[in-house]
Amino acid sequence: MEEDSIIEGQPISAGAVLTTQLAMLHTDEKTFKNHTEFRPERFLENNNLEKRLIPFGIGKRSCLGESLARAELYLITGNMILDFDFESVGAAPRIQTPTPFALMKRPPSYDIRFIPRSK
C-alpha cells in the first residue's frame, strides 16, 4: 500500500504488503459448492467460476511454474493429436458460426473416441 487505507473497516498502514489467501477463495462454499469433491465439470456448468479461480496466483508473487504448466498442456495436446485419431460417438452437434473457421470457448458437449494410431 502506498498510503494508509481502510479496507472493510480494517486500517492498513502505508508500506504494508497485502497477499491473497487463495486457499480461502478456492474453498468458499458460496462459490465452490462441495469444494472437496473433484468435479471439473463444475466449470462447464457455471461460467462465473472461471473468473473466481486463480490457480497460479497473481502479481509479483505468482507461480513461476505457470509457463511450464501451459507448455506441458501444449505438449500433451500435440502428442494426443499425433498418437490418436478422434471420432464422434453418435452424432456430433451442429455448430453455427459466423465464419468458416472459429474458436469457441465452450463448445457444445459430446462424446468422442480416441483411437490409437498404428506406428
PDB file of N, CA and C in Angstrom:
ATOM      1  N   MET A   1       0.847  -1.171   0.000  1.00  0.00           N
ATOM      2  CA  MET A   1       0.000   0.000   0.000  1.00  0.00           C
ATOM      3  C   MET A   1       0.897   1.240   0.000  1.00  0.00           C
ATOM      4  N   GLU A   2       0.544   2.204  -0.826  1.00  0.00           N
ATOM      5  CA  GLU A   2       1.347   3.422  -0.913  1.00  0.00           C
ATOM      6  C   GLU A   2       0.961   4.444   0.142  1.00  0.00           C
ATOM      7  N   GLU A   3      -0.275   4.348   0.626  1.00  0.00           N
ATOM      8  CA  GLU A   3      -0.719   5.283   1.664  1.00  0.00           C
ATOM      9  C   GLU A   3      -1.631   4.538   2.629  1.00  0.00           C
ATOM     10  N   ASP A   4      -1.802   5.109   3.816  1.00  0.00           N
ATOM     11  CA  ASP A   4      -2.695   4.493   4.790  1.00  0.00           C
ATOM     12  C   ASP A   4      -4.085   4.353   4.185  1.00  0.00           C
ATOM     13  N   SER A   5      -4.717   3.216   4.435  1.00  0.00           N
ATOM     14  CA  SER A   5      -6.045   2.948   3.884  1.00  0.00           C
ATOM     15  C   SER A   5      -6.883   2.211   4.912  1.00  0.00           C
ATOM     16  N   ILE A   6      -8.164   2.130   4.622  1.00  0.00           N
ATOM     17  CA  ILE A   6      -9.072   1.324   5.432  1.00  0.00           C
ATOM     18  C   ILE A   6      -9.829   0.419   4.471  1.00  0.00           C
ATOM     19  N   ILE A   7      -9.736  -0.892   4.691  1.00  0.00           N
ATOM     20  CA  ILE A   7     -10.428  -1.869   3.853  1.00  0.00           C
ATOM     21  C   ILE A   7     -11.383  -2.642   4.740  1.00  0.00           C
ATOM     22  N   GLU A   8     -12.668  -2.517   4.453  1.00  0.00           N
ATOM     23  CA  GLU A   8     -13.721  -3.166   5.236  1.00  0.00           C
ATOM     24  C   GLU A   8     -13.530  -2.932   6.726  1.00  0.00           C
ATOM     25  N   GLY A   9     -13.237  -1.676   7.079  1.00  0.00           N
ATOM     26  CA  GLY A   9     -13.117  -1.300   8.480  1.00  0.00           C
ATOM     27  C   GLY A   9     -11.768  -1.601   9.108  1.00  0.00           C
ATOM     28  N   GLN A  10     -10.862  -2.224   8.381  1.00  0.00           N
ATOM     29  CA  GLN A  10      -9.543  -2.573   8.913  1.00  0.00           C
ATOM     30  C   GLN A  10      -8.512  -1.556   8.437  1.00  0.00           C
ATOM     31  N   PRO A  11      -7.819  -0.881   9.376  1.00  0.00           N
ATOM     32  CA  PRO A  11      -6.782   0.064   8.951  1.00  0.00           C
ATOM     33  C   PRO A  11      -5.569  -0.682   8.388  1.00  0.00           C
ATOM     34  N   ILE A  12      -5.060  -0.199   7.272  1.00  0.00           N
ATOM     35  CA  ILE A  12      -3.881  -0.770   6.621  1.00  0.00           C
ATOM     36  C   ILE A  12      -2.842   0.339   6.525  1.00  0.00           C
ATOM     37  N   SER A  13      -1.672   0.103   7.082  1.00  0.00           N
ATOM     38  CA  SER A  13      -0.613   1.111   7.088  1.00  0.00           C
ATOM     39  C   SER A  13       0.066   1.201   5.730  1.00  0.00           C
ATOM     40  N   ALA A  14       0.539   2.401   5.404  1.00  0.00           N
ATOM     41  CA  ALA A  14       1.310   2.589   4.173  1.00  0.00           C
ATOM     42  C   ALA A  14       2.529   1.676   4.221  1.00  0.00           C
ATOM     43  N   GLY A  15       2.871   1.073   3.102  1.00  0.00           N
ATOM     44  CA  GLY A  15       4.016   0.182   3.032  1.00  0.00           C
ATOM     45  C   GLY A  15       3.700  -1.264   3.372  1.00  0.00           C
ATOM     46  N   ALA A  16       2.479  -1.532   3.817  1.00  0.00           N
ATOM     47  CA  ALA A  16       2.104  -2.907   4.153  1.00  0.00           C
ATOM     48  C   ALA A  16       2.050  -3.754   2.885  1.00  0.00           C
ATOM     49  N   VAL A  17       2.459  -5.006   3.013  1.00  0.00           N
ATOM     50  CA  VAL A  17       2.384  -5.949   1.900  1.00  0.00           C
ATOM     51  C   VAL A  17       1.109  -6.763   2.079  1.00  0.00           C
ATOM     52  N   LEU A  18       0.240  -6.729   1.077  1.00  0.00           N
ATOM     53  CA  LEU A  18      -1.008  -7.483   1.126  1.00  0.00           C
ATOM     54  C   LEU A  18      -0.890  -8.689   0.213  1.00  0.00           C
ATOM     55  N   THR A  19      -1.325  -9.827   0.696  1.00  0.00           N
ATOM     56  CA  THR A  19      -1.342 -11.030  -0.125  1.00  0.00           C
ATOM     57  C   THR A  19      -2.748 -11.612  -0.120  1.00  0.00           C
ATOM     58  N   THR A  20      -3.025 -12.402  -1.111  1.00  0.00           N
ATOM     59  CA  THR A  20      -4.331 -13.046  -1.227  1.00  0.00           C
ATOM     60  C   THR A  20      -4.221 -14.465  -0.705  1.00  0.00           C
ATOM     61  N   GLN A  21      -5.143 -14.863   0.128  1.00  0.00           N
ATOM     62  CA  GLN A  21      -5.192 -16.240   0.610  1.00  0.00           C
ATOM     63  C   GLN A  21      -6.025 -17.047  -0.375  1.00  0.00           C
ATOM     64  N   LEU A  22      -5.363 -17.581  -1.402  1.00  0.00           N
ATOM     65  CA  LEU A  22      -6.068 -18.295  -2.455  1.00  0.00           C
ATOM     66  C   LEU A  22      -6.807 -19.511  -1.925  1.00  0.00           C
ATOM     67  N   ALA A  23      -6.266 -20.153  -0.908  1.00  0.00           N
ATOM     68  CA  ALA A  23      -6.952 -21.320  -0.334  1.00  0.00           C
ATOM     69  C   ALA A  23      -8.328 -20.920   0.189  1.00  0.00           C
ATOM     70  N   MET A  24      -8.428 -19.741   0.763  1.00  0.00           N
ATOM     71  CA  MET A  24      -9.730 -19.271   1.261  1.00  0.00           C
ATOM     72  C   MET A  24     -10.683 -18.998   0.104  1.00  0.00           C
ATOM     73  N   LEU A  25     -10.171 -18.425  -0.972  1.00  0.00           N
ATOM     74  CA  LEU A  25     -11.018 -18.159  -2.134  1.00  0.00           C
ATOM     75  C   LEU A  25     -11.501 -19.453  -2.776  1.00  0.00           C
ATOM     76  N   HIS A  26     -10.610 -20.425  -2.894  1.00  0.00           N
ATOM     77  CA  HIS A  26     -10.927 -21.663  -3.610  1.00  0.00           C
ATOM     78  C   HIS A  26     -11.719 -22.666  -2.786  1.00  0.00           C
ATOM     79  N   THR A  27     -11.903 -22.396  -1.489  1.00  0.00           N
ATOM     80  CA  THR A  27     -12.697 -23.301  -0.649  1.00  0.00           C
ATOM     81  C   THR A  27     -13.947 -22.619  -0.111  1.00  0.00           C
ATOM     82  N   ASP A  28     -14.304 -21.489  -0.676  1.00  0.00           N
ATOM     83  CA  ASP A  28     -15.508 -20.766  -0.258  1.00  0.00           C
ATOM     84  C   ASP A  28     -16.743 -21.525  -0.736  1.00  0.00           C
ATOM     85  N   GLU A  29     -17.545 -22.016   0.202  1.00  0.00           N
ATOM     86  CA  GLU A  29     -18.726 -22.825  -0.138  1.00  0.00           C
ATOM     87  C   GLU A  29     -19.772 -22.036  -0.928  1.00  0.00           C
ATOM     88  N   LYS A  30     -19.792 -20.714  -0.775  1.00  0.00           N
ATOM     89  CA  LYS A  30     -20.761 -19.920  -1.546  1.00  0.00           C
ATOM     90  C   LYS A  30     -20.429 -19.956  -3.036  1.00  0.00           C
ATOM     91  N   THR A  31     -19.162 -20.057  -3.343  1.00  0.00           N
ATOM     92  CA  THR A  31     -18.724 -20.082  -4.734  1.00  0.00           C
ATOM     93  C   THR A  31     -18.532 -21.503  -5.245  1.00  0.00           C
ATOM     94  N   PHE A  32     -17.824 -22.324  -4.478  1.00  0.00           N
ATOM     95  CA  PHE A  32     -17.495 -23.690  -4.885  1.00  0.00           C
ATOM     96  C   PHE A  32     -18.253 -24.674  -3.997  1.00  0.00           C
ATOM     97  N   LYS A  33     -19.464 -25.007  -4.385  1.00  0.00           N
ATOM     98  CA  LYS A  33     -20.260 -25.977  -3.625  1.00  0.00           C
ATOM     99  C   LYS A  33     -19.506 -27.305  -3.556  1.00  0.00           C
ATOM    100  N   ASN A  34     -19.500 -27.919  -2.383  1.00  0.00           N
ATOM    101  CA  ASN A  34     -18.802 -29.203  -2.184  1.00  0.00           C
ATOM    102  C   ASN A  34     -17.371 -29.130  -2.720  1.00  0.00           C
ATOM    103  N   HIS A  35     -16.637 -28.138  -2.265  1.00  0.00           N
ATOM    104  CA  HIS A  35     -15.298 -27.871  -2.806  1.00  0.00           C
ATOM    105  C   HIS A  35     -14.312 -29.018  -2.621  1.00  0.00           C
ATOM    106  N   THR A  36     -14.579 -29.954  -1.723  1.00  0.00           N
ATOM    107  CA  THR A  36     -13.649 -31.073  -1.526  1.00  0.00           C
ATOM    108  C   THR A  36     -13.849 -32.182  -2.554  1.00  0.00           C
ATOM    109  N   GLU A  37     -14.935 -32.127  -3.320  1.00  0.00           N
ATOM    110  CA  GLU A  37     -15.194 -33.132  -4.358  1.00  0.00           C
ATOM    111  C   GLU A  37     -14.478 -32.744  -5.653  1.00  0.00           C
ATOM    112  N   PHE A  38     -13.861 -33.734  -6.291  1.00  0.00           N
ATOM    113  CA  PHE A  38     -13.234 -33.497  -7.595  1.00  0.00           C
ATOM    114  C   PHE A  38     -14.332 -33.519  -8.647  1.00  0.00           C
ATOM    115  N   ARG A  39     -14.723 -32.339  -9.119  1.00  0.00           N
ATOM    116  CA  ARG A  39     -15.782 -32.213 -10.113  1.00  0.00           C
ATOM    117  C   ARG A  39     -15.374 -31.164 -11.149  1.00  0.00           C
ATOM    118  N   PRO A  40     -14.481 -31.493 -12.088  1.00  0.00           N
ATOM    119  CA  PRO A  40     -14.058 -30.493 -13.069  1.00  0.00           C
ATOM    120  C   PRO A  40     -15.205 -29.968 -13.919  1.00  0.00           C
ATOM    121  N   GLU A  41     -16.286 -30.752 -14.050  1.00  0.00           N
ATOM    122  CA  GLU A  41     -17.421 -30.290 -14.858  1.00  0.00           C
ATOM    123  C   GLU A  41     -18.111 -29.077 -14.251  1.00  0.00           C
ATOM    124  N   ARG A  42     -17.838 -28.768 -12.986  1.00  0.00           N
ATOM    125  CA  ARG A  42     -18.462 -27.587 -12.371  1.00  0.00           C
ATOM    126  C   ARG A  42     -18.122 -26.311 -13.145  1.00  0.00           C
ATOM    127  N   PHE A  43     -16.949 -26.292 -13.812  1.00  0.00           N
ATOM    128  CA  PHE A  43     -16.569 -25.113 -14.576  1.00  0.00           C
ATOM    129  C   PHE A  43     -17.328 -25.024 -15.896  1.00  0.00           C
ATOM    130  N   LEU A  44     -17.830 -26.142 -16.391  1.00  0.00           N
ATOM    131  CA  LEU A  44     -18.663 -26.132 -17.588  1.00  0.00           C
ATOM    132  C   LEU A  44     -20.093 -25.750 -17.240  1.00  0.00           C
ATOM    133  N   GLU A  45     -20.515 -26.073 -16.035  1.00  0.00           N
ATOM    134  CA  GLU A  45     -21.886 -25.796 -15.601  1.00  0.00           C
ATOM    135  C   GLU A  45     -22.083 -24.341 -15.194  1.00  0.00           C
ATOM    136  N   ASN A  46     -21.015 -23.670 -14.765  1.00  0.00           N
ATOM    137  CA  ASN A  46     -21.130 -22.309 -14.250  1.00  0.00           C
ATOM    138  C   ASN A  46     -19.998 -21.457 -14.817  1.00  0.00           C
ATOM    139  N   ASN A  47     -20.333 -20.573 -15.745  1.00  0.00           N
ATOM    140  CA  ASN A  47     -19.317 -19.738 -16.401  1.00  0.00           C
ATOM    141  C   ASN A  47     -18.614 -18.792 -15.436  1.00  0.00           C
ATOM    142  N   ASN A  48     -19.270 -18.412 -14.341  1.00  0.00           N
ATOM    143  CA  ASN A  48     -18.681 -17.442 -13.424  1.00  0.00           C
ATOM    144  C   ASN A  48     -17.558 -18.027 -12.572  1.00  0.00           C
ATOM    145  N   LEU A  49     -17.504 -19.346 -12.433  1.00  0.00           N
ATOM    146  CA  LEU A  49     -16.459 -19.946 -11.597  1.00  0.00           C
ATOM    147  C   LEU A  49     -15.071 -19.690 -12.159  1.00  0.00           C
ATOM    148  N   GLU A  50     -14.957 -19.687 -13.470  1.00  0.00           N
ATOM    149  CA  GLU A  50     -13.654 -19.482 -14.100  1.00  0.00           C
ATOM    150  C   GLU A  50     -13.041 -18.149 -13.672  1.00  0.00           C
ATOM    151  N   LYS A  51     -13.878 -17.137 -13.476  1.00  0.00           N
ATOM    152  CA  LYS A  51     -13.398 -15.814 -13.074  1.00  0.00           C
ATOM    153  C   LYS A  51     -12.930 -15.805 -11.624  1.00  0.00           C
ATOM    154  N   ARG A  52     -13.377 -16.768 -10.824  1.00  0.00           N
ATOM    155  CA  ARG A  52     -13.035 -16.805  -9.402  1.00  0.00           C
ATOM    156  C   ARG A  52     -11.888 -17.761  -9.083  1.00  0.00           C
ATOM    157  N   LEU A  53     -11.390 -18.458 -10.077  1.00  0.00           N
ATOM    158  CA  LEU A  53     -10.300 -19.404  -9.875  1.00  0.00           C
ATOM    159  C   LEU A  53      -8.978 -18.734 -10.229  1.00  0.00           C
ATOM    160  N   ILE A  54      -8.036 -18.787  -9.312  1.00  0.00           N
ATOM    161  CA  ILE A  54      -6.719 -18.180  -9.539  1.00  0.00           C
ATOM    162  C   ILE A  54      -5.670 -19.247  -9.217  1.00  0.00           C
ATOM    163  N   PRO A  55      -5.510 -20.241 -10.102  1.00  0.00           N
ATOM    164  CA  PRO A  55      -4.650 -21.375  -9.757  1.00  0.00           C
ATOM    165  C   PRO A  55      -3.167 -21.037  -9.619  1.00  0.00           C
ATOM    166  N   PHE A  56      -2.692 -20.007 -10.293  1.00  0.00           N
ATOM    167  CA  PHE A  56      -1.264 -19.700 -10.264  1.00  0.00           C
ATOM    168  C   PHE A  56      -0.936 -18.431  -9.485  1.00  0.00           C
ATOM    169  N   GLY A  57      -1.913 -17.859  -8.820  1.00  0.00           N
ATOM    170  CA  GLY A  57      -1.678 -16.616  -8.108  1.00  0.00           C
ATOM    171  C   GLY A  57      -1.680 -15.438  -9.063  1.00  0.00           C
ATOM    172  N   ILE A  58      -1.408 -14.261  -8.502  1.00  0.00           N
ATOM    173  CA  ILE A  58      -1.417 -13.042  -9.310  1.00  0.00           C
ATOM    174  C   ILE A  58      -0.290 -12.117  -8.857  1.00  0.00           C
ATOM    175  N   GLY A  59       0.096 -11.239  -9.737  1.00  0.00           N
ATOM    176  CA  GLY A  59       1.075 -10.218  -9.385  1.00  0.00           C
ATOM    177  C   GLY A  59       2.503 -10.724  -9.313  1.00  0.00           C
ATOM    178  N   LYS A  60       3.322  -9.987  -8.568  1.00  0.00           N
ATOM    179  CA  LYS A  60       4.751 -10.285  -8.471  1.00  0.00           C
ATOM    180  C   LYS A  60       5.030 -11.643  -7.840  1.00  0.00           C
ATOM    181  N   ARG A  61       4.106 -12.123  -7.034  1.00  0.00           N
ATOM    182  CA  ARG A  61       4.341 -13.379  -6.321  1.00  0.00           C
ATOM    183  C   ARG A  61       3.613 -14.560  -6.966  1.00  0.00           C
ATOM    184  N   SER A  62       3.265 -14.418  -8.229  1.00  0.00           N
ATOM    185  CA  SER A  62       2.559 -15.518  -8.898  1.00  0.00           C
ATOM    186  C   SER A  62       3.515 -16.689  -9.137  1.00  0.00           C
ATOM    187  N   CYS A  63       2.952 -17.828  -9.396  1.00  0.00           N
ATOM    188  CA  CYS A  63       3.705 -19.076  -9.538  1.00  0.00           C
ATOM    189  C   CYS A  63       4.651 -19.025 -10.739  1.00  0.00           C
ATOM    190  N   LEU A  64       5.905 -19.351 -10.495  1.00  0.00           N
ATOM    191  CA  LEU A  64       6.886 -19.386 -11.580  1.00  0.00           C
ATOM    192  C   LEU A  64       6.638 -20.550 -12.527  1.00  0.00           C
ATOM    193  N   GLY A  65       5.901 -21.555 -12.073  1.00  0.00           N
ATOM    194  CA  GLY A  65       5.647 -22.735 -12.885  1.00  0.00           C
ATOM    195  C   GLY A  65       4.491 -22.601 -13.858  1.00  0.00           C
ATOM    196  N   GLU A  66       3.819 -21.444 -13.878  1.00  0.00           N
ATOM    197  CA  GLU A  66       2.668 -21.292 -14.777  1.00  0.00           C
ATOM    198  C   GLU A  66       3.061 -21.501 -16.235  1.00  0.00           C
ATOM    199  N   SER A  67       4.155 -20.900 -16.665  1.00  0.00           N
ATOM    200  CA  SER A  67       4.556 -21.056 -18.072  1.00  0.00           C
ATOM    201  C   SER A  67       4.933 -22.508 -18.364  1.00  0.00           C
ATOM    202  N   LEU A  68       5.534 -23.202 -17.395  1.00  0.00           N
ATOM    203  CA  LEU A  68       5.857 -24.616 -17.575  1.00  0.00           C
ATOM    204  C   LEU A  68       4.577 -25.439 -17.702  1.00  0.00           C
ATOM    205  N   ALA A  69       3.594 -25.157 -16.861  1.00  0.00           N
ATOM    206  CA  ALA A  69       2.323 -25.888 -16.916  1.00  0.00           C
ATOM    207  C   ALA A  69       1.635 -25.675 -18.262  1.00  0.00           C
ATOM    208  N   ARG A  70       1.631 -24.451 -18.743  1.00  0.00           N
ATOM    209  CA  ARG A  70       1.000 -24.171 -20.039  1.00  0.00           C
ATOM    210  C   ARG A  70       1.762 -24.858 -21.180  1.00  0.00           C
ATOM    211  N   ALA A  71       3.089 -24.890 -21.090  1.00  0.00           N
ATOM    212  CA  ALA A  71       3.887 -25.583 -22.107  1.00  0.00           C
ATOM    213  C   ALA A  71       3.599 -27.082 -22.080  1.00  0.00           C
ATOM    214  N   GLU A  72       3.434 -27.649 -20.888  1.00  0.00           N
ATOM    215  CA  GLU A  72       3.114 -29.073 -20.769  1.00  0.00           C
ATOM    216  C   GLU A  72       1.758 -29.376 -21.399  1.00  0.00           C
ATOM    217  N   LEU A  73       0.774 -28.513 -21.181  1.00  0.00           N
ATOM    218  CA  LEU A  73      -0.540 -28.717 -21.808  1.00  0.00           C
ATOM    219  C   LEU A  73      -0.418 -28.702 -23.327  1.00  0.00           C
ATOM    220  N   TYR A  74       0.403 -27.802 -23.842  1.00  0.00           N
ATOM    221  CA  TYR A  74       0.642 -27.724 -25.283  1.00  0.00           C
ATOM    222  C   TYR A  74       1.255 -29.032 -25.788  1.00  0.00           C
ATOM    223  N   LEU A  75       2.249 -29.549 -25.068  1.00  0.00           N
ATOM    224  CA  LEU A  75       2.902 -30.799 -25.471  1.00  0.00           C
ATOM    225  C   LEU A  75       1.956 -31.994 -25.372  1.00  0.00           C
ATOM    226  N   ILE A  76       1.178 -32.048 -24.312  1.00  0.00           N
ATOM    227  CA  ILE A  76       0.226 -33.154 -24.143  1.00  0.00           C
ATOM    228  C   ILE A  76      -0.790 -33.148 -25.275  1.00  0.00           C
ATOM    229  N   THR A  77      -1.335 -31.972 -25.575  1.00  0.00           N
ATOM    230  CA  THR A  77      -2.321 -31.866 -26.655  1.00  0.00           C
ATOM    231  C   THR A  77      -1.699 -32.264 -27.992  1.00  0.00           C
ATOM    232  N   GLY A  78      -0.503 -31.773 -28.261  1.00  0.00           N
ATOM    233  CA  GLY A  78       0.179 -32.124 -29.509  1.00  0.00           C
ATOM    234  C   GLY A  78       0.432 -33.617 -29.628  1.00  0.00           C
ATOM    235  N   ASN A  79       0.852 -34.247 -28.541  1.00  0.00           N
ATOM    236  CA  ASN A  79       1.100 -35.692 -28.569  1.00  0.00           C
ATOM    237  C   ASN A  79      -0.189 -36.483 -28.734  1.00  0.00           C
ATOM    238  N   MET A  80      -1.280 -36.006 -28.166  1.00  0.00           N
ATOM    239  CA  MET A  80      -2.563 -36.691 -28.360  1.00  0.00           C
ATOM    240  C   MET A  80      -2.974 -36.638 -29.829  1.00  0.00           C
ATOM    241  N   ILE A  81      -2.789 -35.476 -30.452  1.00  0.00           N
ATOM    242  CA  ILE A  81      -3.133 -35.338 -31.870  1.00  0.00           C
ATOM    243  C   ILE A  81      -2.224 -36.224 -32.721  1.00  0.00           C
ATOM    244  N   LEU A  82      -0.974 -36.342 -32.326  1.00  0.00           N
ATOM    245  CA  LEU A  82      -0.017 -37.174 -33.056  1.00  0.00           C
ATOM    246  C   LEU A  82      -0.317 -38.667 -32.903  1.00  0.00           C
ATOM    247  N   ASP A  83      -0.725 -39.088 -31.714  1.00  0.00           N
ATOM    248  CA  ASP A  83      -0.865 -40.517 -31.405  1.00  0.00           C
ATOM    249  C   ASP A  83      -2.266 -41.090 -31.574  1.00  0.00           C
ATOM    250  N   PHE A  84      -3.283 -40.247 -31.720  1.00  0.00           N
ATOM    251  CA  PHE A  84      -4.653 -40.748 -31.774  1.00  0.00           C
ATOM    252  C   PHE A  84      -5.438 -40.131 -32.923  1.00  0.00           C
ATOM    253  N   ASP A  85      -6.365 -40.916 -33.454  1.00  0.00           N
ATOM    254  CA  ASP A  85      -7.418 -40.386 -34.310  1.00  0.00           C
ATOM    255  C   ASP A  85      -8.619 -40.181 -33.402  1.00  0.00           C
ATOM    256  N   PHE A  86      -9.453 -39.217 -33.731  1.00  0.00           N
ATOM    257  CA  PHE A  86     -10.624 -38.913 -32.918  1.00  0.00           C
ATOM    258  C   PHE A  86     -11.865 -39.100 -33.770  1.00  0.00           C
ATOM    259  N   GLU A  87     -12.887 -39.691 -33.195  1.00  0.00           N
ATOM    260  CA  GLU A  87     -14.159 -39.795 -33.908  1.00  0.00           C
ATOM    261  C   GLU A  87     -15.292 -39.574 -32.918  1.00  0.00           C
ATOM    262  N   SER A  88     -16.375 -39.064 -33.444  1.00  0.00           N
ATOM    263  CA  SER A  88     -17.546 -38.797 -32.620  1.00  0.00           C
ATOM    264  C   SER A  88     -18.241 -40.102 -32.251  1.00  0.00           C
ATOM    265  N   VAL A  89     -18.716 -40.188 -31.029  1.00  0.00           N
ATOM    266  CA  VAL A  89     -19.556 -41.304 -30.593  1.00  0.00           C
ATOM    267  C   VAL A  89     -20.989 -40.801 -30.750  1.00  0.00           C
ATOM    268  N   GLY A  90     -21.685 -41.310 -31.748  1.00  0.00           N
ATOM    269  CA  GLY A  90     -23.012 -40.776 -32.049  1.00  0.00           C
ATOM    270  C   GLY A  90     -22.883 -39.550 -32.934  1.00  0.00           C
ATOM    271  N   ALA A  91     -23.965 -38.822 -33.044  1.00  0.00           N
ATOM    272  CA  ALA A  91     -23.986 -37.645 -33.913  1.00  0.00           C
ATOM    273  C   ALA A  91     -23.279 -36.473 -33.244  1.00  0.00           C
ATOM    274  N   ALA A  92     -22.404 -35.839 -33.998  1.00  0.00           N
ATOM    275  CA  ALA A  92     -21.745 -34.634 -33.495  1.00  0.00           C
ATOM    276  C   ALA A  92     -22.729 -33.474 -33.564  1.00  0.00           C
ATOM    277  N   PRO A  93     -22.679 -32.552 -32.606  1.00  0.00           N
ATOM    278  CA  PRO A  93     -23.613 -31.422 -32.648  1.00  0.00           C
ATOM    279  C   PRO A  93     -23.326 -30.509 -33.834  1.00  0.00           C
ATOM    280  N   ARG A  94     -24.374 -29.920 -34.374  1.00  0.00           N
ATOM    281  CA  ARG A  94     -24.221 -28.956 -35.468  1.00  0.00           C
ATOM    282  C   ARG A  94     -23.896 -27.605 -34.844  1.00  0.00           C
ATOM    283  N   ILE A  95     -22.800 -27.020 -35.283  1.00  0.00           N
ATOM    284  CA  ILE A  95     -22.341 -25.758 -34.707  1.00  0.00           C
ATOM    285  C   ILE A  95     -22.440 -24.669 -35.762  1.00  0.00           C
ATOM    286  N   GLN A  96     -23.165 -23.614 -35.458  1.00  0.00           N
ATOM    287  CA  GLN A  96     -23.311 -22.464 -36.356  1.00  0.00           C
ATOM    288  C   GLN A  96     -22.309 -21.390 -35.939  1.00  0.00           C
ATOM    289  N   THR A  97     -21.445 -20.984 -36.856  1.00  0.00           N
ATOM    290  CA  THR A  97     -20.514 -19.893 -36.583  1.00  0.00           C
ATOM    291  C   THR A  97     -20.624 -18.868 -37.702  1.00  0.00           C
ATOM    292  N   PRO A  98     -20.308 -17.610 -37.414  1.00  0.00           N
ATOM    293  CA  PRO A  98     -20.409 -16.577 -38.450  1.00  0.00           C
ATOM    294  C   PRO A  98     -19.338 -16.697 -39.528  1.00  0.00           C
ATOM    295  N   THR A  99     -18.264 -17.426 -39.257  1.00  0.00           N
ATOM    296  CA  THR A  99     -17.190 -17.604 -40.233  1.00  0.00           C
ATOM    297  C   THR A  99     -16.904 -19.096 -40.391  1.00  0.00           C
ATOM    298  N   PRO A 100     -16.265 -19.497 -41.491  1.00  0.00           N
ATOM    299  CA  PRO A 100     -15.983 -20.928 -41.679  1.00  0.00           C
ATOM    300  C   PRO A 100     -15.075 -21.512 -40.595  1.00  0.00           C
ATOM    301  N   PHE A 101     -14.164 -20.705 -40.064  1.00  0.00           N
ATOM    302  CA  PHE A 101     -13.250 -21.161 -39.017  1.00  0.00           C
ATOM    303  C   PHE A 101     -13.430 -20.265 -37.802  1.00  0.00           C
ATOM    304  N   ALA A 102     -13.592 -20.880 -36.653  1.00  0.00           N
ATOM    305  CA  ALA A 102     -13.793 -20.091 -35.437  1.00  0.00           C
ATOM    306  C   ALA A 102     -13.303 -20.870 -34.230  1.00  0.00           C
ATOM    307  N   LEU A 103     -12.902 -20.157 -33.207  1.00  0.00           N
ATOM    308  CA  LEU A 103     -12.554 -20.765 -31.926  1.00  0.00           C
ATOM    309  C   LEU A 103     -13.722 -20.554 -30.979  1.00  0.00           C
ATOM    310  N   MET A 104     -13.995 -21.560 -30.175  1.00  0.00           N
ATOM    311  CA  MET A 104     -15.094 -21.450 -29.215  1.00  0.00           C
ATOM    312  C   MET A 104     -14.547 -21.683 -27.821  1.00  0.00           C
ATOM    313  N   LYS A 105     -14.943 -20.837 -26.886  1.00  0.00           N
ATOM    314  CA  LYS A 105     -14.507 -21.009 -25.508  1.00  0.00           C
ATOM    315  C   LYS A 105     -15.194 -22.203 -24.869  1.00  0.00           C
ATOM    316  N   ARG A 106     -16.467 -22.399 -25.142  1.00  0.00           N
ATOM    317  CA  ARG A 106     -17.227 -23.500 -24.575  1.00  0.00           C
ATOM    318  C   ARG A 106     -18.063 -24.172 -25.663  1.00  0.00           C
ATOM    319  N   PRO A 107     -17.450 -25.060 -26.444  1.00  0.00           N
ATOM    320  CA  PRO A 107     -18.231 -25.755 -27.478  1.00  0.00           C
ATOM    321  C   PRO A 107     -19.255 -26.685 -26.832  1.00  0.00           C
ATOM    322  N   PRO A 108     -20.287 -27.073 -27.583  1.00  0.00           N
ATOM    323  CA  PRO A 108     -21.281 -27.990 -27.016  1.00  0.00           C
ATOM    324  C   PRO A 108     -20.636 -29.324 -26.637  1.00  0.00           C
ATOM    325  N   SER A 109     -21.178 -29.939 -25.625  1.00  0.00           N
ATOM    326  CA  SER A 109     -20.637 -31.199 -25.127  1.00  0.00           C
ATOM    327  C   SER A 109     -21.076 -32.370 -25.999  1.00  0.00           C
ATOM    328  N   TYR A 110     -20.140 -33.253 -26.309  1.00  0.00           N
ATOM    329  CA  TYR A 110     -20.466 -34.523 -26.950  1.00  0.00           C
ATOM    330  C   TYR A 110     -19.299 -35.475 -26.726  1.00  0.00           C
ATOM    331  N   ASP A 111     -19.562 -36.763 -26.908  1.00  0.00           N
ATOM    332  CA  ASP A 111     -18.552 -37.781 -26.633  1.00  0.00           C
ATOM    333  C   ASP A 111     -17.701 -38.056 -27.868  1.00  0.00           C
ATOM    334  N   ILE A 112     -16.409 -38.259 -27.627  1.00  0.00           N
ATOM    335  CA  ILE A 112     -15.502 -38.647 -28.702  1.00  0.00           C
ATOM    336  C   ILE A 112     -14.742 -39.905 -28.284  1.00  0.00           C
ATOM    337  N   ARG A 113     -14.274 -40.617 -29.266  1.00  0.00           N
ATOM    338  CA  ARG A 113     -13.499 -41.837 -29.042  1.00  0.00           C
ATOM    339  C   ARG A 113     -12.065 -41.573 -29.506  1.00  0.00           C
ATOM    340  N   PHE A 114     -11.106 -41.979 -28.686  1.00  0.00           N
ATOM    341  CA  PHE A 114      -9.693 -41.882 -29.032  1.00  0.00           C
ATOM    342  C   PHE A 114      -9.271 -43.224 -29.609  1.00  0.00           C
ATOM    343  N   ILE A 115      -8.783 -43.231 -30.831  1.00  0.00           N
ATOM    344  CA  ILE A 115      -8.359 -44.463 -31.491  1.00  0.00           C
ATOM    345  C   ILE A 115      -6.850 -44.390 -31.700  1.00  0.00           C
ATOM    346  N   PRO A 116      -6.097 -45.291 -31.044  1.00  0.00           N
ATOM    347  CA  PRO A 116      -4.634 -45.243 -31.204  1.00  0.00           C
ATOM    348  C   PRO A 116      -4.237 -45.427 -32.666  1.00  0.00           C
ATOM    349  N   ARG A 117      -3.319 -44.604 -33.123  1.00  0.00           N
ATOM    350  CA  ARG A 117      -2.800 -44.738 -34.483  1.00  0.00           C
ATOM    351  C   ARG A 117      -1.741 -45.827 -34.498  1.00  0.00           C
ATOM    352  N   SER A 118      -1.689 -46.566 -35.590  1.00  0.00           N
ATOM    353  CA  SER A 118      -0.647 -47.593 -35.692  1.00  0.00           C
ATOM    354  C   SER A 118       0.674 -46.903 -35.997  1.00  0.00           C
ATOM    355  N   LYS A 119       1.722 -47.392 -35.397  1.00  0.00           N
ATOM    356  CA  LYS A 119       3.049 -46.759 -35.542  1.00  0.00           C
ATOM    357  C   LYS A 119       3.723 -47.215 -36.803  1.00  0.00           C
TER     358      LYS A 119
END
